[in-house]
Amino acid sequence: MKAGLGIDSKTLKKVGKRAVLLGFIPNILEGSIIIVLAITILDLPFIEAGMLGFIVSPISPAVVIPSMIRLKDKGYNGNGVPVLNLASASIDDIVSVFIFSIFLSIYLGGVANESISSIVTPVVYIIIMVSGFFISKYSKHKDIIVTSSNNIWSVAQIYLFVIIGLLVNVEIAFTVGFTAIIIVLVGLILRLLGVWACLYKSIFTIKERLFCMVANLPKATVQASLGAVPLIYGVKSGDLILAISALSIILTAPVGLILIDRLGPILLTKD
């Protein structure tokens, strides 16, 4: 909803194709390399490695979306870079939820309800984001809705991150610590290469492309939301998946947020 509220139609037309590429390619690259590493280093079965790959791969809307809206409101919207990242971050998350749901459905034996939810959940997210976009474009009460969504999220995120903290098995987290760091960092490197490739020969300057790479660093919300799901469903490596998900948040969310806020005014131009 917050992403939809921050997107304006004029800028979206300008960056639309690149936003779609940015929402798909870096995510698929990162998720795929994490699957390969999880199979070869952690000896996970393919389906469980797939769940891990697409829990860790998405960037965090909780970090990226408010940051992009702040930069946009301050006027740092040259070439529509904040809107590009708003749209691509939302697509990125939807792609991950969709692919993760498919892996979970296969693990559970293709249960009908799980197969349906793997399609329904991303569709619901798309509808919510599009509704935010139309509210932003046509509603006279946009400011009230923005304030309400901010208030709701400020409470929800506390609950979300406390829950994932309570569920993490600290012993497993320490056991796989260094290996998990390697997996997360290699995945990030491939994501950043994917970001650069998506923006190659585009209207965006080198500085703007570098900023988009920075905006693709933080992970938090999706990892906190989905990290415990395999554990809840009885997946054999659920504890391990949760531990690596939590570690990816610790490694990337604070650094990503600081870099976005500090480098945004330096790398981006005003309207």
C-alpha atoms as a PDB file:
ATOM      1  CA  MET A   1       0.000   0.000   0.000  1.00  0.00           C
ATOM      2  CA  LYS A   2       2.808   2.405   0.950  1.00  0.00           C
ATOM      3  CA  ALA A   3       4.593   1.668  -2.332  1.00  0.00           C
ATOM      4  CA  GLY A   4       1.437   2.296  -4.355  1.00  0.00           C
ATOM      5  CA  LEU A   5       0.803   5.578  -2.549  1.00  0.00           C
ATOM      6  CA  GLY A   6       4.321   6.766  -3.402  1.00  0.00           C
ATOM      7  CA  ILE A   7       4.120   6.066  -7.148  1.00  0.00           C
ATOM      8  CA  ASP A   8       2.963   8.739  -9.585  1.00  0.00           C
ATOM      9  CA  SER A   9       1.741   7.713 -13.034  1.00  0.00           C
ATOM     10  CA  LYS A  10       3.851  10.194 -15.010  1.00  0.00           C
ATOM     11  CA  THR A  11       7.147   8.966 -13.566  1.00  0.00           C
ATOM     12  CA  LEU A  12       6.007   5.330 -13.711  1.00  0.00           C
ATOM     13  CA  LYS A  13       5.573   5.608 -17.497  1.00  0.00           C
ATOM     14  CA  LYS A  14       9.146   6.855 -17.688  1.00  0.00           C
ATOM     15  CA  VAL A  15      10.720   4.038 -15.628  1.00  0.00           C
ATOM     16  CA  GLY A  16       8.133   1.251 -16.007  1.00  0.00           C
ATOM     17  CA  LYS A  17      10.100  -1.243 -18.137  1.00  0.00           C
ATOM     18  CA  ARG A  18      13.261  -0.898 -16.059  1.00  0.00           C
ATOM     19  CA  ALA A  19      11.216  -1.254 -12.844  1.00  0.00           C
ATOM     20  CA  VAL A  20       9.835  -4.588 -14.055  1.00  0.00           C
ATOM     21  CA  LEU A  21      13.327  -5.825 -14.996  1.00  0.00           C
ATOM     22  CA  LEU A  22      14.682  -4.613 -11.647  1.00  0.00           C
ATOM     23  CA  GLY A  23      11.886  -6.427  -9.828  1.00  0.00           C
ATOM     24  CA  PHE A  24      12.589  -9.772 -11.514  1.00  0.00           C
ATOM     25  CA  ILE A  25      16.194 -10.283 -12.613  1.00  0.00           C
ATOM     26  CA  PRO A  26      18.263  -9.409  -9.479  1.00  0.00           C
ATOM     27  CA  ASN A  27      15.873 -11.418  -7.307  1.00  0.00           C
ATOM     28  CA  ILE A  28      15.985 -14.498  -9.540  1.00  0.00           C
ATOM     29  CA  LEU A  29      19.789 -14.315  -9.750  1.00  0.00           C
ATOM     30  CA  GLU A  30      20.215 -13.990  -5.984  1.00  0.00           C
ATOM     31  CA  GLY A  31      17.674 -16.696  -5.157  1.00  0.00           C
ATOM     32  CA  SER A  32      19.237 -19.077  -7.674  1.00  0.00           C
ATOM     33  CA  ILE A  33      22.809 -18.701  -6.412  1.00  0.00           C
ATOM     34  CA  ILE A  34      21.638 -19.163  -2.807  1.00  0.00           C
ATOM     35  CA  ILE A  35      19.924 -22.411  -3.868  1.00  0.00           C
ATOM     36  CA  VAL A  36      23.179 -23.641  -5.438  1.00  0.00           C
ATOM     37  CA  LEU A  37      25.228 -22.659  -2.361  1.00  0.00           C
ATOM     38  CA  ALA A  38      22.696 -24.175   0.058  1.00  0.00           C
ATOM     39  CA  ILE A  39      22.827 -27.491  -1.812  1.00  0.00           C
ATOM     40  CA  THR A  40      26.631 -27.597  -2.148  1.00  0.00           C
ATOM     41  CA  ILE A  41      27.705 -26.072   1.195  1.00  0.00           C
ATOM     42  CA  LEU A  42      24.823 -26.859   3.562  1.00  0.00           C
ATOM     43  CA  ASP A  43      23.805 -30.114   1.833  1.00  0.00           C
ATOM     44  CA  LEU A  44      20.131 -29.107   1.777  1.00  0.00           C
ATOM     45  CA  PRO A  45      17.658 -30.880  -0.523  1.00  0.00           C
ATOM     46  CA  PHE A  46      16.655 -28.847  -3.589  1.00  0.00           C
ATOM     47  CA  ILE A  47      13.144 -27.962  -2.346  1.00  0.00           C
ATOM     48  CA  GLU A  48      14.388 -26.759   1.062  1.00  0.00           C
ATOM     49  CA  ALA A  49      17.237 -24.855  -0.608  1.00  0.00           C
ATOM     50  CA  GLY A  50      14.611 -23.241  -2.857  1.00  0.00           C
ATOM     51  CA  MET A  51      12.633 -22.060   0.170  1.00  0.00           C
ATOM     52  CA  LEU A  52      15.802 -20.601   1.694  1.00  0.00           C
ATOM     53  CA  GLY A  53      16.821 -18.934  -1.582  1.00  0.00           C
ATOM     54  CA  PHE A  54      13.572 -17.036  -2.034  1.00  0.00           C
ATOM     55  CA  ILE A  55      13.145 -16.122   1.612  1.00  0.00           C
ATOM     56  CA  VAL A  56      16.585 -14.476   1.685  1.00  0.00           C
ATOM     57  CA  SER A  57      16.545 -12.980  -1.843  1.00  0.00           C
ATOM     58  CA  PRO A  58      13.900 -10.181  -1.620  1.00  0.00           C
ATOM     59  CA  ILE A  59      14.785  -6.666  -0.474  1.00  0.00           C
ATOM     60  CA  SER A  60      12.915  -5.044   2.391  1.00  0.00           C
ATOM     61  CA  PRO A  61       9.903  -2.832   1.652  1.00  0.00           C
ATOM     62  CA  ALA A  62      10.036  -1.699   5.298  1.00  0.00           C
ATOM     63  CA  VAL A  63      13.424  -0.089   4.656  1.00  0.00           C
ATOM     64  CA  VAL A  64      13.320   0.767   0.958  1.00  0.00           C
ATOM     65  CA  ILE A  65       9.807   2.183   0.542  1.00  0.00           C
ATOM     66  CA  PRO A  66       9.853   4.799   3.360  1.00  0.00           C
ATOM     67  CA  SER A  67      13.392   5.807   2.334  1.00  0.00           C
ATOM     68  CA  MET A  68      12.386   6.317  -1.305  1.00  0.00           C
ATOM     69  CA  ILE A  69       9.283   8.285  -0.298  1.00  0.00           C
ATOM     70  CA  ARG A  70      11.427  10.559   1.914  1.00  0.00           C
ATOM     71  CA  LEU A  71      13.884  11.220  -0.934  1.00  0.00           C
ATOM     72  CA  LYS A  72      11.031  11.815  -3.376  1.00  0.00           C
ATOM     73  CA  ASP A  73       9.356  14.272  -0.981  1.00  0.00           C
ATOM     74  CA  LYS A  74      12.652  16.151  -0.626  1.00  0.00           C
ATOM     75  CA  GLY A  75      12.795  16.536  -4.401  1.00  0.00           C
ATOM     76  CA  TYR A  76      15.530  13.987  -5.181  1.00  0.00           C
ATOM     77  CA  ASN A  77      13.490  12.533  -8.013  1.00  0.00           C
ATOM     78  CA  GLY A  78      15.666  13.271 -11.020  1.00  0.00           C
ATOM     79  CA  ASN A  79      14.976  10.625 -13.688  1.00  0.00           C
ATOM     80  CA  GLY A  80      12.404   9.108 -11.278  1.00  0.00           C
ATOM     81  CA  VAL A  81      14.912   6.949  -9.370  1.00  0.00           C
ATOM     82  CA  PRO A  82      12.878   6.771  -6.108  1.00  0.00           C
ATOM     83  CA  VAL A  83       9.756   5.746  -8.052  1.00  0.00           C
ATOM     84  CA  LEU A  84      11.829   3.170  -9.960  1.00  0.00           C
ATOM     85  CA  ASN A  85      12.875   1.612  -6.653  1.00  0.00           C
ATOM     86  CA  LEU A  86       9.387   1.871  -5.147  1.00  0.00           C
ATOM     87  CA  ALA A  87       7.873  -0.107  -7.995  1.00  0.00           C
ATOM     88  CA  SER A  88      10.707  -2.621  -8.366  1.00  0.00           C
ATOM     89  CA  ALA A  89      10.865  -3.343  -4.602  1.00  0.00           C
ATOM     90  CA  SER A  90       7.187  -4.279  -4.601  1.00  0.00           C
ATOM     91  CA  ILE A  91       7.547  -6.506  -7.680  1.00  0.00           C
ATOM     92  CA  ASP A  92      10.658  -8.057  -6.124  1.00  0.00           C
ATOM     93  CA  ASP A  93       8.746  -9.073  -2.986  1.00  0.00           C
ATOM     94  CA  ILE A  94       5.776 -10.441  -4.922  1.00  0.00           C
ATOM     95  CA  VAL A  95       8.102 -12.595  -7.057  1.00  0.00           C
ATOM     96  CA  SER A  96       9.765 -14.034  -3.949  1.00  0.00           C
ATOM     97  CA  VAL A  97       6.504 -14.788  -2.139  1.00  0.00           C
ATOM     98  CA  PHE A  98       5.163 -16.486  -5.262  1.00  0.00           C
ATOM     99  CA  ILE A  99       8.229 -18.698  -5.837  1.00  0.00           C
ATOM    100  CA  PHE A 100       8.605 -19.515  -2.134  1.00  0.00           C
ATOM    101  CA  SER A 101       4.939 -20.557  -1.990  1.00  0.00           C
ATOM    102  CA  ILE A 102       5.488 -22.929  -4.910  1.00  0.00           C
ATOM    103  CA  PHE A 103       8.463 -24.588  -3.168  1.00  0.00           C
ATOM    104  CA  LEU A 104       6.473 -24.886   0.071  1.00  0.00           C
ATOM    105  CA  SER A 105       3.516 -26.351  -1.812  1.00  0.00           C
ATOM    106  CA  ILE A 106       5.754 -28.980  -3.452  1.00  0.00           C
ATOM    107  CA  TYR A 107       7.309 -29.842  -0.066  1.00  0.00           C
ATOM    108  CA  LEU A 108       3.860 -30.359   1.423  1.00  0.00           C
ATOM    109  CA  GLY A 109       2.958 -32.683  -1.412  1.00  0.00           C
ATOM    110  CA  GLY A 110       1.087 -30.211  -3.613  1.00  0.00           C
ATOM    111  CA  VAL A 111      -1.811 -29.847  -1.185  1.00  0.00           C
ATOM    112  CA  ALA A 112      -4.679 -28.102  -3.004  1.00  0.00           C
ATOM    113  CA  ASN A 113      -5.017 -25.277  -0.493  1.00  0.00           C
ATOM    114  CA  GLU A 114      -1.290 -24.552  -0.596  1.00  0.00           C
ATOM    115  CA  SER A 115      -1.268 -24.535  -4.404  1.00  0.00           C
ATOM    116  CA  ILE A 116      -4.134 -22.060  -4.442  1.00  0.00           C
ATOM    117  CA  SER A 117      -2.495 -19.801  -1.835  1.00  0.00           C
ATOM    118  CA  SER A 118       0.731 -19.711  -3.866  1.00  0.00           C
ATOM    119  CA  ILE A 119      -1.268 -17.895  -6.563  1.00  0.00           C
ATOM    120  CA  VAL A 120      -3.737 -15.966  -4.405  1.00  0.00           C
ATOM    121  CA  THR A 121      -1.232 -14.360  -2.011  1.00  0.00           C
ATOM    122  CA  PRO A 122       0.858 -12.507  -4.646  1.00  0.00           C
ATOM    123  CA  VAL A 123      -2.333 -11.490  -6.489  1.00  0.00           C
ATOM    124  CA  VAL A 124      -3.661  -9.947  -3.263  1.00  0.00           C
ATOM    125  CA  TYR A 125      -0.384  -8.012  -2.851  1.00  0.00           C
ATOM    126  CA  ILE A 126      -0.643  -6.706  -6.408  1.00  0.00           C
ATOM    127  CA  ILE A 127      -4.254  -5.593  -5.834  1.00  0.00           C
ATOM    128  CA  ILE A 128      -3.281  -3.776  -2.624  1.00  0.00           C
ATOM    129  CA  MET A 129      -0.362  -1.978  -4.309  1.00  0.00           C
ATOM    130  CA  VAL A 130      -2.508  -0.992  -7.303  1.00  0.00           C
ATOM    131  CA  SER A 131      -5.219   0.293  -4.963  1.00  0.00           C
ATOM    132  CA  GLY A 132      -2.590   2.481  -3.259  1.00  0.00           C
ATOM    133  CA  PHE A 133      -1.563   3.810  -6.681  1.00  0.00           C
ATOM    134  CA  PHE A 134      -5.170   4.760  -7.566  1.00  0.00           C
ATOM    135  CA  ILE A 135      -5.729   6.311  -4.135  1.00  0.00           C
ATOM    136  CA  SER A 136      -2.588   8.406  -4.716  1.00  0.00           C
ATOM    137  CA  LYS A 137      -3.862   9.474  -8.128  1.00  0.00           C
ATOM    138  CA  TYR A 138      -7.554  10.161  -7.455  1.00  0.00           C
ATOM    139  CA  SER A 139      -8.384  10.322  -3.727  1.00  0.00           C
ATOM    140  CA  LYS A 140      -8.805  13.601  -1.861  1.00  0.00           C
ATOM    141  CA  HIS A 141      -8.003  11.784   1.389  1.00  0.00           C
ATOM    142  CA  LYS A 142      -4.557  10.519   0.400  1.00  0.00           C
ATOM    143  CA  ASP A 143      -2.783  12.212   3.342  1.00  0.00           C
ATOM    144  CA  ILE A 144      -5.090  10.599   5.904  1.00  0.00           C
ATOM    145  CA  ILE A 145      -4.569   7.160   4.356  1.00  0.00           C
ATOM    146  CA  VAL A 146      -0.782   7.629   4.259  1.00  0.00           C
ATOM    147  CA  THR A 147      -0.755   8.611   7.942  1.00  0.00           C
ATOM    148  CA  SER A 148      -2.941   5.632   8.856  1.00  0.00           C
ATOM    149  CA  SER A 149      -0.734   3.164   6.979  1.00  0.00           C
ATOM    150  CA  ASN A 150       2.346   4.600   8.714  1.00  0.00           C
ATOM    151  CA  ASN A 151       0.702   4.209  12.133  1.00  0.00           C
ATOM    152  CA  ILE A 152      -0.387   0.638  11.430  1.00  0.00           C
ATOM    153  CA  TRP A 153       3.066  -0.355  10.214  1.00  0.00           C
ATOM    154  CA  SER A 154       4.844   1.254  13.198  1.00  0.00           C
ATOM    155  CA  VAL A 155       2.997  -1.174  15.489  1.00  0.00           C
ATOM    156  CA  ALA A 156       3.063  -4.202  13.159  1.00  0.00           C
ATOM    157  CA  GLN A 157       6.820  -4.134  12.582  1.00  0.00           C
ATOM    158  CA  ILE A 158       7.531  -4.344  16.327  1.00  0.00           C
ATOM    159  CA  TYR A 159       5.372  -7.472  16.591  1.00  0.00           C
ATOM    160  CA  LEU A 160       6.921  -8.971  13.455  1.00  0.00           C
ATOM    161  CA  PHE A 161      10.554  -8.581  14.481  1.00  0.00           C
ATOM    162  CA  VAL A 162       9.995  -9.599  18.116  1.00  0.00           C
ATOM    163  CA  ILE A 163       8.363 -12.834  16.930  1.00  0.00           C
ATOM    164  CA  ILE A 164      11.240 -13.762  14.605  1.00  0.00           C
ATOM    165  CA  GLY A 165      13.713 -12.993  17.395  1.00  0.00           C
ATOM    166  CA  LEU A 166      11.865 -15.311  19.783  1.00  0.00           C
ATOM    167  CA  LEU A 167      11.828 -18.174  17.264  1.00  0.00           C
ATOM    168  CA  VAL A 168      15.504 -18.099  16.222  1.00  0.00           C
ATOM    169  CA  ASN A 169      17.532 -21.049  17.507  1.00  0.00           C
ATOM    170  CA  VAL A 170      20.673 -19.255  18.727  1.00  0.00           C
ATOM    171  CA  GLU A 171      22.762 -22.445  18.826  1.00  0.00           C
ATOM    172  CA  ILE A 172      22.106 -23.165  15.139  1.00  0.00           C
ATOM    173  CA  ALA A 173      22.677 -19.485  14.264  1.00  0.00           C
ATOM    174  CA  PHE A 174      26.171 -19.632  15.831  1.00  0.00           C
ATOM    175  CA  THR A 175      26.934 -23.000  14.232  1.00  0.00           C
ATOM    176  CA  VAL A 176      26.262 -21.804  10.667  1.00  0.00           C
ATOM    177  CA  GLY A 177      27.266 -18.191  11.281  1.00  0.00           C
ATOM    178  CA  PHE A 178      30.287 -17.864   8.978  1.00  0.00           C
ATOM    179  CA  THR A 179      28.813 -20.130   6.294  1.00  0.00           C
ATOM    180  CA  ALA A 180      25.552 -18.178   6.373  1.00  0.00           C
ATOM    181  CA  ILE A 181      27.427 -14.876   6.020  1.00  0.00           C
ATOM    182  CA  ILE A 182      29.215 -16.204   2.913  1.00  0.00           C
ATOM    183  CA  ILE A 183      25.914 -17.368   1.388  1.00  0.00           C
ATOM    184  CA  VAL A 184      24.185 -14.028   2.053  1.00  0.00           C
ATOM    185  CA  LEU A 185      27.121 -11.968   0.735  1.00  0.00           C
ATOM    186  CA  VAL A 186      27.580 -14.019  -2.452  1.00  0.00           C
ATOM    187  CA  GLY A 187      23.840 -13.732  -3.085  1.00  0.00           C
ATOM    188  CA  LEU A 188      24.047  -9.960  -2.625  1.00  0.00           C
ATOM    189  CA  ILE A 189      26.963  -9.658  -5.038  1.00  0.00           C
ATOM    190  CA  LEU A 190      24.992 -11.445  -7.745  1.00  0.00           C
ATOM    191  CA  ARG A 191      21.936  -9.260  -7.018  1.00  0.00           C
ATOM    192  CA  LEU A 192      23.997  -6.091  -7.395  1.00  0.00           C
ATOM    193  CA  LEU A 193      25.433  -7.309 -10.703  1.00  0.00           C
ATOM    194  CA  GLY A 194      21.852  -7.974 -11.792  1.00  0.00           C
ATOM    195  CA  VAL A 195      20.828  -4.427 -10.839  1.00  0.00           C
ATOM    196  CA  TRP A 196      23.667  -2.956 -12.902  1.00  0.00           C
ATOM    197  CA  ALA A 197      22.754  -5.164 -15.874  1.00  0.00           C
ATOM    198  CA  CYS A 198      19.073  -4.127 -15.688  1.00  0.00           C
ATOM    199  CA  LEU A 199      19.999  -0.427 -15.815  1.00  0.00           C
ATOM    200  CA  TYR A 200      22.717  -0.758 -18.478  1.00  0.00           C
ATOM    201  CA  LYS A 201      22.197   1.576 -21.452  1.00  0.00           C
ATOM    202  CA  SER A 202      19.273   3.291 -19.703  1.00  0.00           C
ATOM    203  CA  ILE A 203      18.478   6.946 -19.004  1.00  0.00           C
ATOM    204  CA  PHE A 204      20.036   6.601 -15.556  1.00  0.00           C
ATOM    205  CA  THR A 205      23.487   8.032 -14.831  1.00  0.00           C
ATOM    206  CA  ILE A 206      26.302   6.012 -13.255  1.00  0.00           C
ATOM    207  CA  LYS A 207      25.599   7.683  -9.896  1.00  0.00           C
ATOM    208  CA  GLU A 208      21.911   6.798 -10.122  1.00  0.00           C
ATOM    209  CA  ARG A 209      22.738   3.182 -10.977  1.00  0.00           C
ATOM    210  CA  LEU A 210      25.073   3.025  -7.972  1.00  0.00           C
ATOM    211  CA  PHE A 211      22.265   4.348  -5.790  1.00  0.00           C
ATOM    212  CA  CYS A 212      19.898   1.660  -7.112  1.00  0.00           C
ATOM    213  CA  MET A 213      22.508  -0.934  -6.123  1.00  0.00           C
ATOM    214  CA  VAL A 214      22.590   0.547  -2.607  1.00  0.00           C
ATOM    215  CA  ALA A 215      18.778   0.487  -2.492  1.00  0.00           C
ATOM    216  CA  ASN A 216      18.914  -3.255  -3.206  1.00  0.00           C
ATOM    217  CA  LEU A 217      20.985  -4.056  -0.110  1.00  0.00           C
ATOM    218  CA  PRO A 218      18.580  -4.118   2.868  1.00  0.00           C
ATOM    219  CA  LYS A 219      16.601  -7.192   3.854  1.00  0.00           C
ATOM    220  CA  ALA A 220      14.119  -7.300   6.710  1.00  0.00           C
ATOM    221  CA  THR A 221      10.373  -7.526   6.221  1.00  0.00           C
ATOM    222  CA  VAL A 222       9.984 -10.563   3.969  1.00  0.00           C
ATOM    223  CA  GLN A 223      12.663 -12.466   5.871  1.00  0.00           C
ATOM    224  CA  ALA A 224      10.868 -11.710   9.150  1.00  0.00           C
ATOM    225  CA  SER A 225       7.486 -12.618   7.638  1.00  0.00           C
ATOM    226  CA  LEU A 226       8.488 -15.860   5.895  1.00  0.00           C
ATOM    227  CA  GLY A 227      11.567 -16.948   7.849  1.00  0.00           C
ATOM    228  CA  ALA A 228       9.596 -18.955  10.404  1.00  0.00           C
ATOM    229  CA  VAL A 229       7.060 -20.416   7.943  1.00  0.00           C
ATOM    230  CA  PRO A 230       9.114 -23.536   7.027  1.00  0.00           C
ATOM    231  CA  LEU A 231       9.684 -24.186  10.753  1.00  0.00           C
ATOM    232  CA  ILE A 232       5.954 -23.847  11.457  1.00  0.00           C
ATOM    233  CA  TYR A 233       5.143 -26.291   8.641  1.00  0.00           C
ATOM    234  CA  GLY A 234       7.626 -28.839   9.970  1.00  0.00           C
ATOM    235  CA  VAL A 235      10.281 -28.480   7.267  1.00  0.00           C
ATOM    236  CA  LYS A 236      13.325 -30.478   8.360  1.00  0.00           C
ATOM    237  CA  SER A 237      15.775 -27.584   7.978  1.00  0.00           C
ATOM    238  CA  GLY A 238      13.287 -24.982   9.291  1.00  0.00           C
ATOM    239  CA  ASP A 239      15.567 -23.908  12.163  1.00  0.00           C
ATOM    240  CA  LEU A 240      18.470 -23.402   9.769  1.00  0.00           C
ATOM    241  CA  ILE A 241      16.366 -21.428   7.272  1.00  0.00           C
ATOM    242  CA  LEU A 242      15.094 -19.170  10.068  1.00  0.00           C
ATOM    243  CA  ALA A 243      18.595 -18.593  11.447  1.00  0.00           C
ATOM    244  CA  ILE A 244      19.989 -17.577   8.042  1.00  0.00           C
ATOM    245  CA  SER A 245      16.942 -15.356   7.415  1.00  0.00           C
ATOM    246  CA  ALA A 246      17.519 -13.550  10.711  1.00  0.00           C
ATOM    247  CA  LEU A 247      21.230 -13.204  10.001  1.00  0.00           C
ATOM    248  CA  SER A 248      20.513 -11.649   6.585  1.00  0.00           C
ATOM    249  CA  ILE A 249      18.452  -8.966   8.352  1.00  0.00           C
ATOM    250  CA  ILE A 250      21.204  -8.197  10.865  1.00  0.00           C
ATOM    251  CA  LEU A 251      23.855  -7.999   8.136  1.00  0.00           C
ATOM    252  CA  THR A 252      22.002  -5.812   5.643  1.00  0.00           C
ATOM    253  CA  ALA A 253      19.124  -3.800   7.131  1.00  0.00           C
ATOM    254  CA  PRO A 254      21.075  -1.271   9.291  1.00  0.00           C
ATOM    255  CA  VAL A 255      23.858  -0.806   6.721  1.00  0.00           C
ATOM    256  CA  GLY A 256      21.379  -0.500   3.852  1.00  0.00           C
ATOM    257  CA  LEU A 257      19.251   2.078   5.650  1.00  0.00           C
ATOM    258  CA  ILE A 258      22.255   4.231   6.591  1.00  0.00           C
ATOM    259  CA  LEU A 259      23.725   4.108   3.077  1.00  0.00           C
ATOM    260  CA  ILE A 260      20.396   4.979   1.410  1.00  0.00           C
ATOM    261  CA  ASP A 261      19.879   7.990   3.690  1.00  0.00           C
ATOM    262  CA  ARG A 262      23.481   9.229   3.407  1.00  0.00           C
ATOM    263  CA  LEU A 263      24.134   8.568  -0.282  1.00  0.00           C
ATOM    264  CA  GLY A 264      20.688   9.515  -1.653  1.00  0.00           C
ATOM    265  CA  PRO A 265      21.315  13.293  -1.590  1.00  0.00           C
ATOM    266  CA  ILE A 266      24.845  12.752  -2.961  1.00  0.00           C
ATOM    267  CA  LEU A 267      24.082  10.375  -5.844  1.00  0.00           C
ATOM    268  CA  LEU A 268      20.633  11.638  -6.886  1.00  0.00           C
ATOM    269  CA  THR A 269      19.653  14.922  -8.525  1.00  0.00           C
ATOM    270  CA  LYS A 270      16.625  17.069  -7.762  1.00  0.00           C
ATOM    271  CA  ASP A 271      13.680  17.443 -10.149  1.00  0.00           C
END
